[in-house]
Amino acid sequence: MKTLREAPDDWPLGNILWFAVLVWFSSSLLSQSAYMAIHGLPYDAVPMLKSLGPVYYLIIALEVTLWAGLLVMGLLKLSRSRRPEAPMPGTPA
């Protein structure tokens, strides 16, 4: 078992990514509920994004990249957790 003798210098990239997803989801939820409180209906994101013009495609590409990266990181973590640990060299099996 691994023991920590000192605090790590920074957070792992996976934790930062999950915090970013949590902040993104929470801000989206709060934005939608504030809009509904003012106007009574939820907003439709597609016409809102299309009003940005050509920048719309950049935003969609960034979001698809974010979700693809999240999927890849999740699959890598899953594959690492299912891989059996190799015995250390020089230790009896």
PDB file of N, CA and C in Angstrom:
ATOM      1  N   MET A   1       0.843  -1.172   0.000  1.00  0.00           N
ATOM      2  CA  MET A   1       0.000   0.000   0.000  1.00  0.00           C
ATOM      3  C   MET A   1       0.891   1.239   0.000  1.00  0.00           C
ATOM      4  N   LYS A   2       0.504   2.217  -0.777  1.00  0.00           N
ATOM      5  CA  LYS A   2       1.286   3.444  -0.899  1.00  0.00           C
ATOM      6  C   LYS A   2       0.923   4.413   0.225  1.00  0.00           C
ATOM      7  N   THR A   3       1.937   4.941   0.900  1.00  0.00           N
ATOM      8  CA  THR A   3       1.684   5.918   1.958  1.00  0.00           C
ATOM      9  C   THR A   3       2.261   7.262   1.542  1.00  0.00           C
ATOM     10  N   LEU A   4       1.593   8.331   1.924  1.00  0.00           N
ATOM     11  CA  LEU A   4       2.061   9.675   1.618  1.00  0.00           C
ATOM     12  C   LEU A   4       2.926  10.182   2.762  1.00  0.00           C
ATOM     13  N   ARG A   5       4.117  10.585   2.468  1.00  0.00           N
ATOM     14  CA  ARG A   5       5.012  11.140   3.471  1.00  0.00           C
ATOM     15  C   ARG A   5       4.990  12.664   3.444  1.00  0.00           C
ATOM     16  N   GLU A   6       4.566  13.236   2.307  1.00  0.00           N
ATOM     17  CA  GLU A   6       4.457  14.687   2.193  1.00  0.00           C
ATOM     18  C   GLU A   6       3.320  15.016   1.226  1.00  0.00           C
ATOM     19  N   ALA A   7       2.812  16.213   1.334  1.00  0.00           N
ATOM     20  CA  ALA A   7       1.690  16.633   0.489  1.00  0.00           C
ATOM     21  C   ALA A   7       2.174  16.790  -0.956  1.00  0.00           C
ATOM     22  N   PRO A   8       1.350  16.375  -1.927  1.00  0.00           N
ATOM     23  CA  PRO A   8       1.735  16.558  -3.327  1.00  0.00           C
ATOM     24  C   PRO A   8       1.755  18.048  -3.675  1.00  0.00           C
ATOM     25  N   ASP A   9       2.587  18.401  -4.660  1.00  0.00           N
ATOM     26  CA  ASP A   9       2.725  19.798  -5.049  1.00  0.00           C
ATOM     27  C   ASP A   9       1.477  20.344  -5.737  1.00  0.00           C
ATOM     28  N   ASP A  10       0.824  19.523  -6.537  1.00  0.00           N
ATOM     29  CA  ASP A  10      -0.356  19.991  -7.244  1.00  0.00           C
ATOM     30  C   ASP A  10      -1.381  18.869  -7.377  1.00  0.00           C
ATOM     31  N   TRP A  11      -2.538  19.208  -7.900  1.00  0.00           N
ATOM     32  CA  TRP A  11      -3.607  18.226  -8.058  1.00  0.00           C
ATOM     33  C   TRP A  11      -3.407  17.441  -9.345  1.00  0.00           C
ATOM     34  N   PRO A  12      -3.846  16.176  -9.347  1.00  0.00           N
ATOM     35  CA  PRO A  12      -3.768  15.395 -10.587  1.00  0.00           C
ATOM     36  C   PRO A  12      -4.684  16.003 -11.657  1.00  0.00           C
ATOM     37  N   LEU A  13      -4.314  15.811 -12.902  1.00  0.00           N
ATOM     38  CA  LEU A  13      -5.068  16.372 -14.018  1.00  0.00           C
ATOM     39  C   LEU A  13      -6.500  15.851 -14.043  1.00  0.00           C
ATOM     40  N   GLY A  14      -6.702  14.609 -13.656  1.00  0.00           N
ATOM     41  CA  GLY A  14      -8.050  14.034 -13.626  1.00  0.00           C
ATOM     42  C   GLY A  14      -8.975  14.775 -12.675  1.00  0.00           C
ATOM     43  N   ASN A  15      -8.460  15.139 -11.493  1.00  0.00           N
ATOM     44  CA  ASN A  15      -9.272  15.891 -10.532  1.00  0.00           C
ATOM     45  C   ASN A  15      -9.636  17.262 -11.084  1.00  0.00           C
ATOM     46  N   ILE A  16      -8.678  17.935 -11.705  1.00  0.00           N
ATOM     47  CA  ILE A  16      -8.939  19.254 -12.270  1.00  0.00           C
ATOM     48  C   ILE A  16      -9.989  19.153 -13.367  1.00  0.00           C
ATOM     49  N   LEU A  17      -9.916  18.115 -14.183  1.00  0.00           N
ATOM     50  CA  LEU A  17     -10.898  17.934 -15.258  1.00  0.00           C
ATOM     51  C   LEU A  17     -12.296  17.714 -14.687  1.00  0.00           C
ATOM     52  N   TRP A  18     -12.399  16.899 -13.652  1.00  0.00           N
ATOM     53  CA  TRP A  18     -13.716  16.662 -13.052  1.00  0.00           C
ATOM     54  C   TRP A  18     -14.266  17.928 -12.411  1.00  0.00           C
ATOM     55  N   PHE A  19     -13.407  18.732 -11.793  1.00  0.00           N
ATOM     56  CA  PHE A  19     -13.858  20.009 -11.237  1.00  0.00           C
ATOM     57  C   PHE A  19     -14.346  20.927 -12.347  1.00  0.00           C
ATOM     58  N   ALA A  20     -13.658  20.939 -13.488  1.00  0.00           N
ATOM     59  CA  ALA A  20     -14.071  21.772 -14.623  1.00  0.00           C
ATOM     60  C   ALA A  20     -15.435  21.327 -15.144  1.00  0.00           C
ATOM     61  N   VAL A  21     -15.652  20.030 -15.249  1.00  0.00           N
ATOM     62  CA  VAL A  21     -16.951  19.516 -15.711  1.00  0.00           C
ATOM     63  C   VAL A  21     -18.041  19.879 -14.706  1.00  0.00           C
ATOM     64  N   LEU A  22     -17.754  19.767 -13.422  1.00  0.00           N
ATOM     65  CA  LEU A  22     -18.725  20.114 -12.388  1.00  0.00           C
ATOM     66  C   LEU A  22     -19.089  21.603 -12.445  1.00  0.00           C
ATOM     67  N   VAL A  23     -18.090  22.459 -12.619  1.00  0.00           N
ATOM     68  CA  VAL A  23     -18.341  23.894 -12.721  1.00  0.00           C
ATOM     69  C   VAL A  23     -19.151  24.203 -13.972  1.00  0.00           C
ATOM     70  N   TRP A  24     -18.799  23.574 -15.091  1.00  0.00           N
ATOM     71  CA  TRP A  24     -19.528  23.790 -16.348  1.00  0.00           C
ATOM     72  C   TRP A  24     -20.989  23.367 -16.193  1.00  0.00           C
ATOM     73  N   PHE A  25     -21.232  22.191 -15.626  1.00  0.00           N
ATOM     74  CA  PHE A  25     -22.597  21.695 -15.467  1.00  0.00           C
ATOM     75  C   PHE A  25     -23.391  22.591 -14.519  1.00  0.00           C
ATOM     76  N   SER A  26     -22.785  22.971 -13.403  1.00  0.00           N
ATOM     77  CA  SER A  26     -23.473  23.808 -12.415  1.00  0.00           C
ATOM     78  C   SER A  26     -23.809  25.179 -12.987  1.00  0.00           C
ATOM     79  N   SER A  27     -22.871  25.774 -13.720  1.00  0.00           N
ATOM     80  CA  SER A  27     -23.144  27.089 -14.295  1.00  0.00           C
ATOM     81  C   SER A  27     -24.231  27.008 -15.352  1.00  0.00           C
ATOM     82  N   SER A  28     -24.257  25.937 -16.116  1.00  0.00           N
ATOM     83  CA  SER A  28     -25.308  25.751 -17.110  1.00  0.00           C
ATOM     84  C   SER A  28     -26.669  25.614 -16.433  1.00  0.00           C
ATOM     85  N   LEU A  29     -26.706  24.840 -15.366  1.00  0.00           N
ATOM     86  CA  LEU A  29     -27.953  24.639 -14.631  1.00  0.00           C
ATOM     87  C   LEU A  29     -28.446  25.938 -13.998  1.00  0.00           C
ATOM     88  N   LEU A  30     -27.541  26.689 -13.390  1.00  0.00           N
ATOM     89  CA  LEU A  30     -27.918  27.962 -12.772  1.00  0.00           C
ATOM     90  C   LEU A  30     -28.352  28.984 -13.823  1.00  0.00           C
ATOM     91  N   SER A  31     -27.669  29.002 -14.956  1.00  0.00           N
ATOM     92  CA  SER A  31     -28.033  29.929 -16.027  1.00  0.00           C
ATOM     93  C   SER A  31     -29.432  29.620 -16.550  1.00  0.00           C
ATOM     94  N   GLN A  32     -29.711  28.345 -16.767  1.00  0.00           N
ATOM     95  CA  GLN A  32     -31.037  27.948 -17.264  1.00  0.00           C
ATOM     96  C   GLN A  32     -32.127  28.294 -16.251  1.00  0.00           C
ATOM     97  N   SER A  33     -31.879  28.038 -14.975  1.00  0.00           N
ATOM     98  CA  SER A  33     -32.909  28.328 -13.969  1.00  0.00           C
ATOM     99  C   SER A  33     -33.116  29.833 -13.795  1.00  0.00           C
ATOM    100  N   ALA A  34     -32.063  30.647 -13.913  1.00  0.00           N
ATOM    101  CA  ALA A  34     -32.222  32.103 -13.842  1.00  0.00           C
ATOM    102  C   ALA A  34     -33.024  32.611 -15.031  1.00  0.00           C
ATOM    103  N   TYR A  35     -32.757  32.076 -16.218  1.00  0.00           N
ATOM    104  CA  TYR A  35     -33.503  32.480 -17.413  1.00  0.00           C
ATOM    105  C   TYR A  35     -34.980  32.105 -17.273  1.00  0.00           C
ATOM    106  N   MET A  36     -35.227  30.907 -16.748  1.00  0.00           N
ATOM    107  CA  MET A  36     -36.615  30.466 -16.558  1.00  0.00           C
ATOM    108  C   MET A  36     -37.330  31.317 -15.512  1.00  0.00           C
ATOM    109  N   ALA A  37     -36.621  31.754 -14.479  1.00  0.00           N
ATOM    110  CA  ALA A  37     -37.231  32.595 -13.447  1.00  0.00           C
ATOM    111  C   ALA A  37     -37.639  33.948 -14.023  1.00  0.00           C
ATOM    112  N   ILE A  38     -36.871  34.464 -14.965  1.00  0.00           N
ATOM    113  CA  ILE A  38     -37.160  35.764 -15.551  1.00  0.00           C
ATOM    114  C   ILE A  38     -38.200  35.666 -16.666  1.00  0.00           C
ATOM    115  N   HIS A  39     -38.036  34.694 -17.572  1.00  0.00           N
ATOM    116  CA  HIS A  39     -38.868  34.617 -18.778  1.00  0.00           C
ATOM    117  C   HIS A  39     -39.953  33.547 -18.728  1.00  0.00           C
ATOM    118  N   GLY A  40     -39.873  32.622 -17.815  1.00  0.00           N
ATOM    119  CA  GLY A  40     -40.902  31.601 -17.684  1.00  0.00           C
ATOM    120  C   GLY A  40     -40.722  30.390 -18.578  1.00  0.00           C
ATOM    121  N   LEU A  41     -39.830  30.458 -19.553  1.00  0.00           N
ATOM    122  CA  LEU A  41     -39.566  29.338 -20.458  1.00  0.00           C
ATOM    123  C   LEU A  41     -38.070  29.083 -20.518  1.00  0.00           C
ATOM    124  N   PRO A  42     -37.669  27.825 -20.742  1.00  0.00           N
ATOM    125  CA  PRO A  42     -36.229  27.559 -20.882  1.00  0.00           C
ATOM    126  C   PRO A  42     -35.715  28.098 -22.218  1.00  0.00           C
ATOM    127  N   TYR A  43     -34.461  28.513 -22.247  1.00  0.00           N
ATOM    128  CA  TYR A  43     -33.906  28.987 -23.515  1.00  0.00           C
ATOM    129  C   TYR A  43     -33.457  27.821 -24.366  1.00  0.00           C
ATOM    130  N   ASP A  44     -33.401  28.063 -25.652  1.00  0.00           N
ATOM    131  CA  ASP A  44     -32.945  27.041 -26.591  1.00  0.00           C
ATOM    132  C   ASP A  44     -31.526  27.412 -27.013  1.00  0.00           C
ATOM    133  N   ALA A  45     -30.581  26.559 -26.713  1.00  0.00           N
ATOM    134  CA  ALA A  45     -29.171  26.872 -26.931  1.00  0.00           C
ATOM    135  C   ALA A  45     -28.790  26.891 -28.404  1.00  0.00           C
ATOM    136  N   VAL A  46     -29.460  26.118 -29.254  1.00  0.00           N
ATOM    137  CA  VAL A  46     -29.069  26.033 -30.661  1.00  0.00           C
ATOM    138  C   VAL A  46     -29.231  27.380 -31.364  1.00  0.00           C
ATOM    139  N   PRO A  47     -30.410  28.040 -31.309  1.00  0.00           N
ATOM    140  CA  PRO A  47     -30.491  29.358 -31.958  1.00  0.00           C
ATOM    141  C   PRO A  47     -29.533  30.382 -31.337  1.00  0.00           C
ATOM    142  N   MET A  48     -29.296  30.254 -30.035  1.00  0.00           N
ATOM    143  CA  MET A  48     -28.373  31.165 -29.368  1.00  0.00           C
ATOM    144  C   MET A  48     -26.952  30.994 -29.916  1.00  0.00           C
ATOM    145  N   LEU A  49     -26.529  29.753 -30.082  1.00  0.00           N
ATOM    146  CA  LEU A  49     -25.198  29.494 -30.625  1.00  0.00           C
ATOM    147  C   LEU A  49     -25.110  29.884 -32.096  1.00  0.00           C
ATOM    148  N   LYS A  50     -26.166  29.617 -32.868  1.00  0.00           N
ATOM    149  CA  LYS A  50     -26.156  29.966 -34.294  1.00  0.00           C
ATOM    150  C   LYS A  50     -26.102  31.474 -34.501  1.00  0.00           C
ATOM    151  N   SER A  51     -26.575  32.246 -33.537  1.00  0.00           N
ATOM    152  CA  SER A  51     -26.509  33.701 -33.664  1.00  0.00           C
ATOM    153  C   SER A  51     -25.069  34.205 -33.577  1.00  0.00           C
ATOM    154  N   LEU A  52     -24.142  33.350 -33.143  1.00  0.00           N
ATOM    155  CA  LEU A  52     -22.735  33.730 -33.066  1.00  0.00           C
ATOM    156  C   LEU A  52     -22.051  33.705 -34.428  1.00  0.00           C
ATOM    157  N   GLY A  53     -22.708  33.111 -35.421  1.00  0.00           N
ATOM    158  CA  GLY A  53     -22.117  33.051 -36.754  1.00  0.00           C
ATOM    159  C   GLY A  53     -21.089  31.935 -36.849  1.00  0.00           C
ATOM    160  N   PRO A  54     -19.977  32.196 -37.549  1.00  0.00           N
ATOM    161  CA  PRO A  54     -18.962  31.160 -37.759  1.00  0.00           C
ATOM    162  C   PRO A  54     -18.283  30.685 -36.470  1.00  0.00           C
ATOM    163  N   VAL A  55     -18.320  31.492 -35.424  1.00  0.00           N
ATOM    164  CA  VAL A  55     -17.712  31.096 -34.148  1.00  0.00           C
ATOM    165  C   VAL A  55     -18.460  29.891 -33.561  1.00  0.00           C
ATOM    166  N   TYR A  56     -19.708  29.719 -33.994  1.00  0.00           N
ATOM    167  CA  TYR A  56     -20.542  28.592 -33.555  1.00  0.00           C
ATOM    168  C   TYR A  56     -19.815  27.258 -33.764  1.00  0.00           C
ATOM    169  N   TYR A  57     -19.184  27.104 -34.929  1.00  0.00           N
ATOM    170  CA  TYR A  57     -18.509  25.841 -35.237  1.00  0.00           C
ATOM    171  C   TYR A  57     -17.292  25.631 -34.335  1.00  0.00           C
ATOM    172  N   LEU A  58     -16.610  26.693 -33.978  1.00  0.00           N
ATOM    173  CA  LEU A  58     -15.480  26.582 -33.060  1.00  0.00           C
ATOM    174  C   LEU A  58     -15.945  26.131 -31.677  1.00  0.00           C
ATOM    175  N   ILE A  59     -17.049  26.696 -31.205  1.00  0.00           N
ATOM    176  CA  ILE A  59     -17.575  26.330 -29.894  1.00  0.00           C
ATOM    177  C   ILE A  59     -18.030  24.874 -29.881  1.00  0.00           C
ATOM    178  N   ILE A  60     -18.697  24.452 -30.952  1.00  0.00           N
ATOM    179  CA  ILE A  60     -19.133  23.046 -31.043  1.00  0.00           C
ATOM    180  C   ILE A  60     -17.913  22.126 -31.084  1.00  0.00           C
ATOM    181  N   ALA A  61     -16.876  22.493 -31.841  1.00  0.00           N
ATOM    182  CA  ALA A  61     -15.662  21.670 -31.910  1.00  0.00           C
ATOM    183  C   ALA A  61     -14.991  21.573 -30.544  1.00  0.00           C
ATOM    184  N   LEU A  62     -14.942  22.677 -29.813  1.00  0.00           N
ATOM    185  CA  LEU A  62     -14.352  22.644 -28.469  1.00  0.00           C
ATOM    186  C   LEU A  62     -15.144  21.744 -27.526  1.00  0.00           C
ATOM    187  N   GLU A  63     -16.456  21.815 -27.614  1.00  0.00           N
ATOM    188  CA  GLU A  63     -17.268  20.966 -26.731  1.00  0.00           C
ATOM    189  C   GLU A  63     -17.126  19.491 -27.085  1.00  0.00           C
ATOM    190  N   VAL A  64     -17.100  19.174 -28.371  1.00  0.00           N
ATOM    191  CA  VAL A  64     -16.919  17.776 -28.787  1.00  0.00           C
ATOM    192  C   VAL A  64     -15.546  17.276 -28.335  1.00  0.00           C
ATOM    193  N   THR A  65     -14.522  18.143 -28.445  1.00  0.00           N
ATOM    194  CA  THR A  65     -13.180  17.773 -27.992  1.00  0.00           C
ATOM    195  C   THR A  65     -13.163  17.515 -26.487  1.00  0.00           C
ATOM    196  N   LEU A  66     -13.847  18.368 -25.730  1.00  0.00           N
ATOM    197  CA  LEU A  66     -13.923  18.179 -24.278  1.00  0.00           C
ATOM    198  C   LEU A  66     -14.560  16.838 -23.928  1.00  0.00           C
ATOM    199  N   TRP A  67     -15.685  16.524 -24.564  1.00  0.00           N
ATOM    200  CA  TRP A  67     -16.363  15.264 -24.257  1.00  0.00           C
ATOM    201  C   TRP A  67     -15.547  14.050 -24.708  1.00  0.00           C
ATOM    202  N   ALA A  68     -14.869  14.170 -25.858  1.00  0.00           N
ATOM    203  CA  ALA A  68     -14.022  13.069 -26.321  1.00  0.00           C
ATOM    204  C   ALA A  68     -12.859  12.847 -25.345  1.00  0.00           C
ATOM    205  N   GLY A  69     -12.244  13.925 -24.882  1.00  0.00           N
ATOM    206  CA  GLY A  69     -11.156  13.807 -23.912  1.00  0.00           C
ATOM    207  C   GLY A  69     -11.627  13.182 -22.615  1.00  0.00           C
ATOM    208  N   LEU A  70     -12.806  13.590 -22.169  1.00  0.00           N
ATOM    209  CA  LEU A  70     -13.374  13.023 -20.945  1.00  0.00           C
ATOM    210  C   LEU A  70     -13.639  11.530 -21.112  1.00  0.00           C
ATOM    211  N   LEU A  71     -14.157  11.145 -22.266  1.00  0.00           N
ATOM    212  CA  LEU A  71     -14.417   9.729 -22.541  1.00  0.00           C
ATOM    213  C   LEU A  71     -13.117   8.928 -22.566  1.00  0.00           C
ATOM    214  N   VAL A  72     -12.103   9.469 -23.231  1.00  0.00           N
ATOM    215  CA  VAL A  72     -10.810   8.772 -23.312  1.00  0.00           C
ATOM    216  C   VAL A  72     -10.197   8.616 -21.922  1.00  0.00           C
ATOM    217  N   MET A  73     -10.232   9.691 -21.120  1.00  0.00           N
ATOM    218  CA  MET A  73      -9.676   9.592 -19.769  1.00  0.00           C
ATOM    219  C   MET A  73     -10.432   8.572 -18.920  1.00  0.00           C
ATOM    220  N   GLY A  74     -11.745   8.538 -19.063  1.00  0.00           N
ATOM    221  CA  GLY A  74     -12.538   7.554 -18.331  1.00  0.00           C
ATOM    222  C   GLY A  74     -12.213   6.130 -18.745  1.00  0.00           C
ATOM    223  N   LEU A  75     -12.071   5.921 -20.057  1.00  0.00           N
ATOM    224  CA  LEU A  75     -11.741   4.576 -20.544  1.00  0.00           C
ATOM    225  C   LEU A  75     -10.342   4.153 -20.106  1.00  0.00           C
ATOM    226  N   LEU A  76      -9.391   5.089 -20.124  1.00  0.00           N
ATOM    227  CA  LEU A  76      -8.039   4.764 -19.649  1.00  0.00           C
ATOM    228  C   LEU A  76      -8.049   4.407 -18.172  1.00  0.00           C
ATOM    229  N   LYS A  77      -8.793   5.158 -17.392  1.00  0.00           N
ATOM    230  CA  LYS A  77      -8.869   4.866 -15.957  1.00  0.00           C
ATOM    231  C   LYS A  77      -9.523   3.508 -15.718  1.00  0.00           C
ATOM    232  N   LEU A  78     -10.569   3.213 -16.472  1.00  0.00           N
ATOM    233  CA  LEU A  78     -11.238   1.920 -16.340  1.00  0.00           C
ATOM    234  C   LEU A  78     -10.307   0.777 -16.725  1.00  0.00           C
ATOM    235  N   SER A  79      -9.568   0.948 -17.825  1.00  0.00           N
ATOM    236  CA  SER A  79      -8.668  -0.131 -18.244  1.00  0.00           C
ATOM    237  C   SER A  79      -7.529  -0.327 -17.244  1.00  0.00           C
ATOM    238  N   ARG A  80      -7.028   0.764 -16.644  1.00  0.00           N
ATOM    239  CA  ARG A  80      -5.971   0.628 -15.632  1.00  0.00           C
ATOM    240  C   ARG A  80      -6.475  -0.058 -14.373  1.00  0.00           C
ATOM    241  N   SER A  81      -7.730   0.216 -14.003  1.00  0.00           N
ATOM    242  CA  SER A  81      -8.255  -0.389 -12.778  1.00  0.00           C
ATOM    243  C   SER A  81      -8.540  -1.880 -12.964  1.00  0.00           C
ATOM    244  N   ARG A  82      -8.772  -2.309 -14.188  1.00  0.00           N
ATOM    245  CA  ARG A  82      -9.055  -3.726 -14.440  1.00  0.00           C
ATOM    246  C   ARG A  82      -7.802  -4.541 -14.721  1.00  0.00           C
ATOM    247  N   ARG A  83      -6.690  -3.865 -14.961  1.00  0.00           N
ATOM    248  CA  ARG A  83      -5.436  -4.551 -15.240  1.00  0.00           C
ATOM    249  C   ARG A  83      -4.864  -5.097 -13.936  1.00  0.00           C
ATOM    250  N   PRO A  84      -4.507  -6.388 -13.892  1.00  0.00           N
ATOM    251  CA  PRO A  84      -3.925  -6.923 -12.652  1.00  0.00           C
ATOM    252  C   PRO A  84      -2.544  -6.319 -12.416  1.00  0.00           C
ATOM    253  N   GLU A  85      -2.239  -6.104 -11.149  1.00  0.00           N
ATOM    254  CA  GLU A  85      -0.931  -5.546 -10.798  1.00  0.00           C
ATOM    255  C   GLU A  85       0.147  -6.599 -11.004  1.00  0.00           C
ATOM    256  N   ALA A  86       1.236  -6.188 -11.622  1.00  0.00           N
ATOM    257  CA  ALA A  86       2.366  -7.101 -11.839  1.00  0.00           C
ATOM    258  C   ALA A  86       3.169  -7.177 -10.540  1.00  0.00           C
ATOM    259  N   PRO A  87       3.653  -8.365 -10.186  1.00  0.00           N
ATOM    260  CA  PRO A  87       4.470  -8.465  -8.961  1.00  0.00           C
ATOM    261  C   PRO A  87       5.782  -7.712  -9.145  1.00  0.00           C
ATOM    262  N   MET A  88       6.261  -7.156  -8.053  1.00  0.00           N
ATOM    263  CA  MET A  88       7.515  -6.421  -8.079  1.00  0.00           C
ATOM    264  C   MET A  88       8.664  -7.388  -8.336  1.00  0.00           C
ATOM    265  N   PRO A  89       9.670  -7.003  -9.133  1.00  0.00           N
ATOM    266  CA  PRO A  89      10.793  -7.907  -9.376  1.00  0.00           C
ATOM    267  C   PRO A  89      11.571  -8.181  -8.086  1.00  0.00           C
ATOM    268  N   GLY A  90      11.920  -9.399  -7.896  1.00  0.00           N
ATOM    269  CA  GLY A  90      12.711  -9.772  -6.732  1.00  0.00           C
ATOM    270  C   GLY A  90      11.875 -10.151  -5.513  1.00  0.00           C
ATOM    271  N   THR A  91      10.548 -10.088  -5.631  1.00  0.00           N
ATOM    272  CA  THR A  91       9.698 -10.500  -4.506  1.00  0.00           C
ATOM    273  C   THR A  91       9.047 -11.826  -4.842  1.00  0.00           C
ATOM    274  N   PRO A  92       8.870 -12.678  -3.842  1.00  0.00           N
ATOM    275  CA  PRO A  92       8.247 -13.971  -4.113  1.00  0.00           C
ATOM    276  C   PRO A  92       6.766 -13.789  -4.480  1.00  0.00           C
ATOM    277  N   ALA A  93       6.299 -14.616  -5.367  1.00  0.00           N
ATOM    278  CA  ALA A  93       4.918 -14.532  -5.834  1.00  0.00           C
ATOM    279  C   ALA A  93       3.953 -15.137  -4.875  1.00  0.00           C
TER     280      ALA A  93
END
